C-alpha atoms as a PDB file:
ATOM      1  CA  MET A   1      -0.034  -0.127   0.178  1.00  0.00           C
ATOM      2  CA  ASP A   2       3.000   2.203   0.113  1.00  0.00           C
ATOM      3  CA  TRP A   3       2.951   2.740  -3.448  1.00  0.00           C
ATOM      4  CA  LEU A   4      -0.728   3.757  -4.101  1.00  0.00           C
ATOM      5  CA  ALA A   5      -0.039   7.342  -2.669  1.00  0.00           C
ATOM      6  CA  PRO A   6       2.650   8.197  -4.985  1.00  0.00           C
ATOM      7  CA  VAL A   7       0.709   6.673  -7.931  1.00  0.00           C
ATOM      8  CA  ASN A   8      -2.346   8.771  -6.797  1.00  0.00           C
ATOM      9  CA  THR A   9      -0.291  12.049  -6.501  1.00  0.00           C
ATOM     10  CA  LEU A  10       1.243  11.407 -10.088  1.00  0.00           C
ATOM     11  CA  THR A  11      -2.023  10.633 -11.820  1.00  0.00           C
ATOM     12  CA  GLY A  12      -3.652  14.014 -10.087  1.00  0.00           C
ATOM     13  CA  ALA A  13      -0.499  15.716 -11.155  1.00  0.00           C
ATOM     14  CA  ALA A  14      -0.867  14.592 -14.758  1.00  0.00           C
ATOM     15  CA  ILE A  15      -4.757  15.460 -14.954  1.00  0.00           C
ATOM     16  CA  GLY A  16      -3.865  18.737 -13.372  1.00  0.00           C
ATOM     17  CA  ILE A  17      -1.210  19.690 -16.096  1.00  0.00           C
ATOM     18  CA  GLY A  18      -2.751  18.076 -19.061  1.00  0.00           C
ATOM     19  CA  SER A  19      -6.127  20.205 -18.294  1.00  0.00           C
ATOM     20  CA  THR A  20      -4.283  23.486 -17.664  1.00  0.00           C
ATOM     21  CA  LEU A  21      -2.349  22.691 -21.020  1.00  0.00           C
ATOM     22  CA  LEU A  22      -5.774  22.003 -22.688  1.00  0.00           C
ATOM     23  CA  ALA A  23      -7.177  25.176 -21.418  1.00  0.00           C
ATOM     24  CA  ASP A  24      -4.272  27.263 -22.415  1.00  0.00           C
ATOM     25  CA  HIS A  25      -4.199  26.027 -26.024  1.00  0.00           C
ATOM     26  CA  LEU A  26      -7.880  26.462 -26.293  1.00  0.00           C
ATOM     27  CA  ARG A  27      -7.650  30.251 -24.942  1.00  0.00           C
ATOM     28  CA  TRP A  28      -4.699  30.551 -27.598  1.00  0.00           C
ATOM     29  CA  ARG A  29      -6.586  29.138 -30.481  1.00  0.00           C
ATOM     30  CA  ARG A  30      -9.745  31.608 -29.391  1.00  0.00           C
ATOM     31  CA  ASP A  31      -7.431  34.602 -29.152  1.00  0.00           C
ATOM     32  CA  ARG A  32      -5.760  34.066 -32.411  1.00  0.00           C
ATOM     33  CA  GLU A  33      -8.808  33.755 -34.302  1.00  0.00           C
ATOM     34  CA  ALA A  34     -10.192  36.785 -32.663  1.00  0.00           C
ATOM     35  CA  LEU A  35      -7.100  38.635 -33.924  1.00  0.00           C
ATOM     36  CA  ASN A  36      -7.349  37.252 -37.220  1.00  0.00           C
ATOM     37  CA  GLN A  37     -11.018  38.076 -37.770  1.00  0.00           C
ATOM     38  CA  ASP A  38     -10.285  41.763 -36.265  1.00  0.00           C
ATOM     39  CA  THR A  39      -7.085  41.956 -38.911  1.00  0.00           C
ATOM     40  CA  ARG A  40      -9.763  41.177 -41.666  1.00  0.00           C
ATOM     41  CA  ARG A  41     -12.438  43.559 -40.774  1.00  0.00           C
ATOM     42  CA  GLN A  42      -9.739  46.334 -40.408  1.00  0.00           C
ATOM     43  CA  ALA A  43      -8.413  45.564 -43.947  1.00  0.00           C
ATOM     44  CA  TYR A  44     -11.897  45.294 -45.116  1.00  0.00           C
ATOM     45  CA  ALA A  45     -12.853  48.515 -43.822  1.00  0.00           C
ATOM     46  CA  ALA A  46      -9.782  50.313 -45.274  1.00  0.00           C
ATOM     47  CA  PHE A  47     -10.460  48.973 -48.616  1.00  0.00           C
ATOM     48  CA  MET A  48     -13.878  50.066 -48.486  1.00  0.00           C
ATOM     49  CA  ALA A  49     -13.282  53.181 -47.473  1.00  0.00           C
ATOM     50  CA  ALA A  50     -10.183  53.844 -50.296  1.00  0.00           C
ATOM     51  CA  LEU A  51     -12.791  52.441 -52.848  1.00  0.00           C
ATOM     52  CA  SER A  52     -15.599  54.926 -51.555  1.00  0.00           C
ATOM     53  CA  ASP A  53     -12.960  57.768 -51.695  1.00  0.00           C
ATOM     54  CA  VAL A  54     -11.891  56.963 -55.221  1.00  0.00           C
ATOM     55  CA  TYR A  55     -15.273  56.681 -56.591  1.00  0.00           C
ATOM     56  CA  SER A  56     -16.260  60.004 -54.861  1.00  0.00           C
ATOM     57  CA  ARG A  57     -13.101  61.863 -56.168  1.00  0.00           C
ATOM     58  CA  LEU A  58     -13.629  60.535 -59.891  1.00  0.00           C
ATOM     59  CA  HIS A  59     -17.280  61.485 -59.856  1.00  0.00           C
ATOM     60  CA  GLU A  60     -16.069  65.037 -58.419  1.00  0.00           C
ATOM     61  CA  THR A  61     -13.355  65.188 -61.388  1.00  0.00           C
ATOM     62  CA  ALA A  62     -15.755  63.981 -64.146  1.00  0.00           C
ATOM     63  CA  ARG A  63     -18.313  66.768 -63.040  1.00  0.00           C
ATOM     64  CA  GLU A  64     -15.648  69.395 -63.647  1.00  0.00           C
ATOM     65  CA  THR A  65     -15.391  70.294 -67.345  1.00  0.00           C
ATOM     66  CA  LEU A  66     -11.912  69.456 -67.975  1.00  0.00           C
ATOM     67  CA  PRO A  67      -9.690  68.922 -71.142  1.00  0.00           C
ATOM     68  CA  PRO A  68      -8.532  65.267 -71.605  1.00  0.00           C
ATOM     69  CA  SER A  69      -4.996  65.835 -70.923  1.00  0.00           C
ATOM     70  CA  GLU A  70      -6.049  67.531 -67.443  1.00  0.00           C
ATOM     71  CA  ALA A  71      -8.835  64.864 -66.827  1.00  0.00           C
ATOM     72  CA  ARG A  72      -6.218  62.013 -67.364  1.00  0.00           C
ATOM     73  CA  THR A  73      -3.788  63.933 -64.971  1.00  0.00           C
ATOM     74  CA  ALA A  74      -6.406  63.838 -62.170  1.00  0.00           C
ATOM     75  CA  ALA A  75      -7.712  60.693 -62.701  1.00  0.00           C
ATOM     76  CA  HIS A  76      -4.298  59.067 -62.355  1.00  0.00           C
ATOM     77  CA  GLU A  77      -3.488  61.147 -59.341  1.00  0.00           C
ATOM     78  CA  VAL A  78      -6.913  59.941 -57.787  1.00  0.00           C
ATOM     79  CA  PHE A  79      -5.787  56.242 -57.842  1.00  0.00           C
ATOM     80  CA  THR A  80      -2.098  56.855 -56.973  1.00  0.00           C
ATOM     81  CA  SER A  81      -3.025  58.646 -53.946  1.00  0.00           C
ATOM     82  CA  SER A  82      -5.938  56.416 -52.810  1.00  0.00           C
ATOM     83  CA  ASN A  83      -3.738  53.602 -51.544  1.00  0.00           C
ATOM     84  CA  LEU A  84      -6.318  51.191 -53.346  1.00  0.00           C
ATOM     85  CA  TYR A  85      -3.687  48.957 -54.951  1.00  0.00           C
ATOM     86  CA  PRO A  86      -1.855  48.168 -51.882  1.00  0.00           C
ATOM     87  CA  LEU A  87      -4.784  47.380 -49.892  1.00  0.00           C
ATOM     88  CA  ARG A  88      -6.353  45.325 -52.671  1.00  0.00           C
ATOM     89  CA  TYR A  89      -3.095  43.110 -52.564  1.00  0.00           C
ATOM     90  CA  GLU A  90      -3.293  42.967 -48.581  1.00  0.00           C
ATOM     91  CA  LEU A  91      -6.718  41.596 -49.111  1.00  0.00           C
ATOM     92  CA  ALA A  92      -5.606  38.781 -51.456  1.00  0.00           C
ATOM     93  CA  LEU A  93      -3.285  37.698 -48.991  1.00  0.00           C
ATOM     94  CA  ILE A  94      -5.757  37.401 -45.995  1.00  0.00           C
ATOM     95  CA  ALA A  95      -9.266  37.219 -47.668  1.00  0.00           C
ATOM     96  CA  PRO A  96     -11.007  34.130 -48.747  1.00  0.00           C
ATOM     97  CA  TRP A  97     -11.685  33.801 -52.380  1.00  0.00           C
ATOM     98  CA  ASP A  98     -15.876  34.205 -51.811  1.00  0.00           C
ATOM     99  CA  VAL A  99     -14.378  37.935 -50.541  1.00  0.00           C
ATOM    100  CA  MET A 100     -11.835  38.463 -53.263  1.00  0.00           C
ATOM    101  CA  GLU A 101     -14.127  37.915 -56.109  1.00  0.00           C
ATOM    102  CA  PRO A 102     -16.318  40.848 -55.320  1.00  0.00           C
ATOM    103  CA  VAL A 103     -13.500  42.943 -54.192  1.00  0.00           C
ATOM    104  CA  ASN A 104     -12.190  42.292 -57.381  1.00  0.00           C
ATOM    105  CA  MET A 105     -15.330  43.177 -59.325  1.00  0.00           C
ATOM    106  CA  ALA A 106     -15.536  46.313 -57.516  1.00  0.00           C
ATOM    107  CA  PHE A 107     -12.066  47.482 -57.927  1.00  0.00           C
ATOM    108  CA  TRP A 108     -12.202  46.692 -61.791  1.00  0.00           C
ATOM    109  CA  LYS A 109     -15.576  48.643 -62.026  1.00  0.00           C
ATOM    110  CA  VAL A 110     -14.012  51.639 -60.367  1.00  0.00           C
ATOM    111  CA  ARG A 111     -10.810  51.292 -62.415  1.00  0.00           C
ATOM    112  CA  ASP A 112     -12.716  51.538 -65.601  1.00  0.00           C
ATOM    113  CA  LEU A 113     -14.786  54.553 -64.243  1.00  0.00           C
ATOM    114  CA  GLY A 114     -11.270  56.033 -63.858  1.00  0.00           C
ATOM    115  CA  ASP A 115     -10.262  55.041 -67.498  1.00  0.00           C
ATOM    116  CA  LEU A 116     -13.750  56.779 -68.605  1.00  0.00           C
ATOM    117  CA  VAL A 117     -13.000  59.877 -66.449  1.00  0.00           C
ATOM    118  CA  ALA A 118      -9.116  60.113 -67.983  1.00  0.00           C
ATOM    119  CA  THR A 119     -10.917  60.313 -71.432  1.00  0.00           C
ATOM    120  CA  GLY A 120     -12.589  63.649 -70.105  1.00  0.00           C
ATOM    121  CA  THR A 121     -16.234  62.284 -69.919  1.00  0.00           C
ATOM    122  CA  HIS A 122     -18.556  64.282 -67.846  1.00  0.00           C
ATOM    123  CA  THR A 123     -21.189  63.102 -65.242  1.00  0.00           C
ATOM    124  CA  ASP A 124     -23.801  63.789 -68.032  1.00  0.00           C
ATOM    125  CA  ALA A 125     -22.462  61.366 -70.651  1.00  0.00           C
ATOM    126  CA  PRO A 126     -24.350  57.883 -70.882  1.00  0.00           C
ATOM    127  CA  ASP A 127     -20.896  56.062 -70.826  1.00  0.00           C
ATOM    128  CA  PHE A 128     -20.643  57.662 -67.373  1.00  0.00           C
ATOM    129  CA  ARG A 129     -23.033  55.368 -65.636  1.00  0.00           C
ATOM    130  CA  ALA A 130     -22.451  52.113 -67.725  1.00  0.00           C
ATOM    131  CA  PRO A 131     -20.029  50.499 -65.403  1.00  0.00           C
ATOM    132  CA  TRP A 132     -22.649  50.748 -62.688  1.00  0.00           C
ATOM    133  CA  ALA A 133     -25.310  49.324 -64.771  1.00  0.00           C
ATOM    134  CA  THR A 134     -24.081  45.954 -64.818  1.00  0.00           C
ATOM    135  CA  THR A 135     -23.396  43.425 -62.119  1.00  0.00           C
END
């Protein structure tokens, strides 16, 4: 009976250590998932804000009556100052494909609108609404 006490002590210690390790691992996994979700949410919000900003600035540029050379420069400036390309690349690294497909579609529609504005097209032109008419 002298061996029963040490065996029970070791069994209790193993159960205690195992349950502590399991609880720590589950907490770590939950925290990591929350951090990943927060990172994705911030990246999505940053991209949507930049996309909205680019559209608004392109719309403002198209409302002005600019010669094609100035319109081209203004449209190019909108895209280069917007940080839209790096944000899209960041999303490509962290977002699943079911998110990236609409991201790419929205990006290319705004890009097409930028190309249209760069030609000097005004907001009254029928071509101005065409990129948004299709889904």
